[in-house]
Amino acid sequence: MADPIVRIENLSRAYSKGVVPVAALKGVSVEINPGEYVAVMGPSGSGKSTLLNLLGLLDRPTEGHYFLGGQEVGSLDDDARSRLRSRSIGFIFQSFNLFPQLDVAGNVEVPMIYAGIPAAERHRRAAELIEQVGLGPRRHHRPGQLSGGEMQRVAIARSLVNDPLLLLADEPTGNLDTATAEVIAGMLEDLHNKGRTIVMVTHNPELAKKTTRILRLRDGGLLPQEAAA
């Protein structure tokens, strides 16, 4: 069996609030294998966002170890973490996080700029992915000229441009109407079917059913794992 894409061991994160630390994540251990599509669920305050931020190298654990693609990343300095994040992790956010002053093509190219990819290759990759998500005719539109579903398609294209090891999706259908959410859910399922490794935070049980495994958090701890229905 291939080595896990993600391996976390006794991962904890505490925040200081006044004189008493607050534990947002408590000793979580889990492995995620190549090609898995994993949903992370739990009530508000259960630690879902904290876990996603740690997996995305946007935060550091208080205790424990995180291995991404076999590399222990906890000891990396900020510059090394930024380079690894740009190269190995793709993000899809509920609020899209697009740059309003850039058109579709410009937004899709942003991660490649940080990765130091030459302009000609950036333009080629962006054009290819924009076509794949069905936005070719709108590649020169800015986010304010797009629907919510179109903006999320831009975000999906952007998440793929550096061919990441891991896709992290934070409530990717949370700001969309039901019909549009189904389209985006289908796109994520298609990415999984093509071999992408995806970890998705969601409150939507119907979306979670499309995944291969569900991680449930409660009060910062991981409950017994279950396969998706």
Protein backbone atom coordinates (compact mmCIF):
# COMPACT_ATOMS: atom_id res chain seq x y z
CA MET A 1 0.00 0.00 0.00
CA ALA A 2 1.21 3.52 -0.77
CA ASP A 3 2.37 5.68 2.11
CA PRO A 4 -0.27 8.06 3.53
CA ILE A 5 -0.54 11.55 2.08
CA VAL A 6 -1.37 12.79 5.58
CA ARG A 7 -0.30 11.30 8.90
CA ILE A 8 -0.98 13.19 12.11
CA GLU A 9 0.03 11.89 15.52
CA ASN A 10 -1.47 13.21 18.77
CA LEU A 11 -2.07 16.61 17.18
CA SER A 12 -3.25 19.27 19.61
CA ARG A 13 -3.84 22.99 19.40
CA ALA A 14 -4.51 25.24 22.37
CA TYR A 15 -5.16 28.97 22.34
CA SER A 16 -4.57 31.39 25.18
CA LYS A 17 -7.70 33.18 26.34
CA GLY A 18 -6.89 35.13 29.44
CA VAL A 19 -5.00 32.96 31.94
CA VAL A 20 -6.62 29.67 30.89
CA PRO A 21 -5.60 27.91 27.63
CA VAL A 22 -8.49 26.69 25.51
CA ALA A 23 -7.95 23.35 23.74
CA ALA A 24 -9.36 23.58 20.21
CA LEU A 25 -7.93 20.20 19.17
CA LYS A 26 -6.98 17.37 21.53
CA GLY A 27 -4.59 14.57 20.61
CA VAL A 28 -5.99 13.73 17.18
CA SER A 29 -4.28 10.92 15.24
CA VAL A 30 -5.31 9.89 11.75
CA GLU A 31 -3.93 8.79 8.38
CA ILE A 32 -5.32 9.79 4.98
CA ASN A 33 -4.24 7.67 2.03
CA PRO A 34 -3.73 8.70 -1.60
CA GLY A 35 -7.04 9.08 -3.44
CA GLU A 36 -9.24 9.24 -0.34
CA TYR A 37 -12.13 11.68 -0.14
CA VAL A 38 -12.63 12.47 3.55
CA ALA A 39 -15.37 14.56 5.15
CA VAL A 40 -14.74 16.30 8.48
CA MET A 41 -17.94 16.91 10.42
CA GLY A 42 -19.00 18.08 13.85
CA PRO A 43 -20.87 20.86 15.61
CA SER A 44 -19.63 24.42 15.75
CA GLY A 45 -16.59 24.63 18.01
CA SER A 46 -15.69 20.96 17.59
CA GLY A 47 -12.27 21.67 16.05
CA LYS A 48 -13.01 21.28 12.32
CA SER A 49 -11.55 24.61 11.24
CA THR A 50 -8.57 24.17 13.56
CA LEU A 51 -7.80 20.79 12.00
CA LEU A 52 -8.13 22.17 8.48
CA ASN A 53 -5.85 25.11 9.29
CA LEU A 54 -3.22 22.74 10.68
CA LEU A 55 -3.45 20.45 7.63
CA GLY A 56 -3.14 23.51 5.38
CA LEU A 57 -0.03 24.76 7.19
CA LEU A 58 -1.89 27.93 8.10
CA ASP A 59 -1.31 27.27 11.80
CA ARG A 60 1.10 25.29 13.98
CA PRO A 61 0.15 22.60 16.50
CA THR A 62 0.82 23.04 20.20
CA GLU A 63 1.76 19.36 20.41
CA GLY A 64 2.04 16.38 18.09
CA HIS A 65 3.41 15.68 14.63
CA TYR A 66 2.16 16.23 11.08
CA PHE A 67 3.63 14.37 8.12
CA LEU A 68 2.64 15.52 4.62
CA GLY A 69 3.76 13.28 1.79
CA GLY A 70 6.11 11.56 4.24
CA GLN A 71 7.77 14.82 5.37
CA GLU A 72 7.48 16.00 8.96
CA VAL A 73 6.40 19.61 8.58
CA GLY A 74 6.15 20.81 12.17
CA SER A 75 9.79 21.84 12.37
CA LEU A 76 9.85 23.81 9.10
CA ASP A 77 10.37 27.55 9.27
CA ASP A 78 7.77 29.95 7.89
CA ASP A 79 9.40 30.31 4.46
CA ALA A 80 9.69 26.55 4.00
CA ARG A 81 6.08 26.08 5.10
CA SER A 82 4.92 28.70 2.60
CA ARG A 83 6.82 27.01 -0.23
CA LEU A 84 5.43 23.60 0.70
CA ARG A 85 1.91 24.96 1.04
CA SER A 86 2.09 26.59 -2.40
CA ARG A 87 3.45 23.45 -4.03
CA SER A 88 1.57 20.68 -2.24
CA ILE A 89 -1.81 21.98 -1.02
CA GLY A 90 -4.80 23.34 -2.92
CA PHE A 91 -7.51 25.31 -1.07
CA ILE A 92 -11.23 25.68 -1.85
CA PHE A 93 -12.98 28.10 0.52
CA GLN A 94 -16.65 28.71 1.29
CA SER A 95 -16.20 32.42 0.56
CA PHE A 96 -14.17 31.73 -2.64
CA ASN A 97 -11.34 34.14 -1.62
CA LEU A 98 -10.86 35.53 -5.11
CA PHE A 99 -9.04 38.79 -5.84
CA PRO A 100 -11.74 41.22 -7.04
CA GLN A 101 -9.31 43.23 -9.17
CA LEU A 102 -8.15 40.18 -11.14
CA ASP A 103 -10.07 38.39 -13.89
CA VAL A 104 -10.70 34.63 -13.87
CA ALA A 105 -7.36 33.87 -15.54
CA GLY A 106 -5.47 36.14 -13.17
CA ASN A 107 -7.04 34.52 -10.11
CA VAL A 108 -6.22 31.03 -11.31
CA GLU A 109 -2.61 32.01 -11.93
CA VAL A 110 -1.94 33.40 -8.43
CA PRO A 111 -0.60 30.17 -6.83
CA MET A 112 1.73 29.67 -9.77
CA ILE A 113 3.18 33.16 -9.29
CA TYR A 114 4.07 32.28 -5.70
CA ALA A 115 5.58 29.03 -6.95
CA GLY A 116 7.83 30.90 -9.40
CA ILE A 117 6.38 29.35 -12.56
CA PRO A 118 7.22 31.27 -15.77
CA ALA A 119 4.46 33.37 -17.34
CA ALA A 120 4.02 31.29 -20.49
CA GLU A 121 3.49 28.12 -18.47
CA ARG A 122 1.14 29.94 -16.09
CA HIS A 123 -1.01 31.12 -18.99
CA ARG A 124 -1.09 27.61 -20.50
CA ARG A 125 -2.06 25.84 -17.29
CA ALA A 126 -4.65 28.44 -16.35
CA ALA A 127 -6.32 28.32 -19.76
CA GLU A 128 -6.49 24.53 -19.64
CA LEU A 129 -8.06 24.40 -16.18
CA ILE A 130 -10.49 27.23 -16.91
CA GLU A 131 -11.74 25.21 -19.86
CA GLN A 132 -12.00 22.10 -17.69
CA VAL A 133 -14.31 23.85 -15.21
CA GLY A 134 -16.44 25.23 -18.05
CA LEU A 135 -15.51 28.91 -17.80
CA GLY A 136 -13.60 29.41 -21.04
CA PRO A 137 -15.94 32.12 -22.36
CA ARG A 138 -15.69 33.99 -19.04
CA ARG A 139 -11.93 33.83 -18.50
CA HIS A 140 -11.58 37.65 -18.71
CA HIS A 141 -14.49 38.39 -16.35
CA ARG A 142 -13.82 39.61 -12.83
CA PRO A 143 -15.40 37.97 -9.76
CA GLY A 144 -18.05 40.70 -9.47
CA GLN A 145 -19.35 39.62 -12.90
CA LEU A 146 -19.70 35.96 -11.91
CA SER A 147 -22.33 33.94 -10.07
CA GLY A 148 -21.48 32.13 -6.83
CA GLY A 149 -21.19 28.83 -8.64
CA GLU A 150 -18.88 30.33 -11.24
CA MET A 151 -16.68 31.83 -8.53
CA GLN A 152 -16.40 28.43 -6.86
CA ARG A 153 -15.41 26.90 -10.19
CA VAL A 154 -12.63 29.50 -10.41
CA ALA A 155 -11.55 28.49 -6.91
CA ILE A 156 -11.49 24.81 -7.91
CA ALA A 157 -9.38 25.59 -10.98
CA ARG A 158 -7.02 27.68 -8.85
CA SER A 159 -6.67 24.85 -6.32
CA LEU A 160 -5.43 22.49 -9.04
CA VAL A 161 -2.87 24.61 -10.88
CA ASN A 162 0.17 23.33 -8.98
CA ASP A 163 -1.00 19.68 -9.11
CA PRO A 164 -1.13 19.45 -5.30
CA LEU A 165 -0.80 16.35 -3.18
CA LEU A 166 -3.80 17.40 -1.11
CA LEU A 167 -6.98 19.40 -1.70
CA LEU A 168 -8.58 21.07 1.32
CA ALA A 169 -12.17 22.24 0.98
CA ASP A 170 -13.85 24.36 3.68
CA GLU A 171 -17.65 24.22 3.32
CA PRO A 172 -17.30 24.41 -0.49
CA THR A 173 -21.08 24.48 -1.07
CA GLY A 174 -22.00 26.55 1.97
CA ASN A 175 -22.66 29.80 0.07
CA LEU A 176 -24.47 28.21 -2.87
CA ASP A 177 -28.10 27.45 -3.68
CA THR A 178 -29.13 23.79 -3.79
CA ALA A 179 -28.87 23.31 -7.55
CA THR A 180 -25.48 25.00 -7.80
CA ALA A 181 -24.24 23.09 -4.75
CA GLU A 182 -25.06 19.85 -6.55
CA VAL A 183 -22.93 20.92 -9.52
CA ILE A 184 -19.96 21.74 -7.29
CA ALA A 185 -20.45 18.49 -5.34
CA GLY A 186 -20.34 16.63 -8.65
CA MET A 187 -17.10 18.37 -9.61
CA LEU A 188 -15.47 17.38 -6.32
CA GLU A 189 -16.65 13.80 -6.75
CA ASP A 190 -15.18 13.78 -10.24
CA LEU A 191 -11.84 15.02 -8.89
CA HIS A 192 -11.90 12.19 -6.37
CA ASN A 193 -12.69 9.68 -9.10
CA LYS A 194 -9.63 10.96 -10.98
CA GLY A 195 -7.44 10.15 -8.00
CA ARG A 196 -7.30 13.42 -6.08
CA THR A 197 -6.92 13.28 -2.30
CA ILE A 198 -9.52 15.57 -0.72
CA VAL A 199 -10.28 16.57 2.88
CA MET A 200 -13.51 18.55 3.17
CA VAL A 201 -15.13 20.26 6.13
CA THR A 202 -18.89 20.24 5.71
CA HIS A 203 -22.13 20.47 7.67
CA ASN A 204 -24.04 18.94 4.75
CA PRO A 205 -24.83 15.24 5.38
CA GLU A 206 -25.80 14.67 1.74
CA LEU A 207 -22.41 15.98 0.60
CA ALA A 208 -20.63 13.87 3.22
CA LYS A 209 -22.32 10.75 1.83
CA LYS A 210 -20.41 11.25 -1.42
CA THR A 211 -17.07 10.83 0.38
CA THR A 212 -15.27 7.61 1.26
CA ARG A 213 -14.84 8.29 4.99
CA ILE A 214 -16.17 10.64 7.64
CA LEU A 215 -14.12 12.04 10.52
CA ARG A 216 -16.36 13.35 13.29
CA LEU A 217 -15.01 15.77 15.86
CA ARG A 218 -16.54 16.73 19.16
CA ASP A 219 -15.02 19.09 21.72
CA GLY A 220 -11.68 18.93 19.90
CA GLY A 221 -11.46 15.15 19.92
CA LEU A 222 -11.91 12.57 17.18
CA LEU A 223 -14.86 10.18 17.54
CA PRO A 224 -14.67 6.56 16.26
CA GLN A 225 -14.24 6.70 12.48
CA GLU A 226 -16.87 5.60 10.01
CA ALA A 227 -17.22 4.91 6.33
CA ALA A 228 -19.52 7.22 4.38
CA ALA A 229 -22.94 5.72 3.60
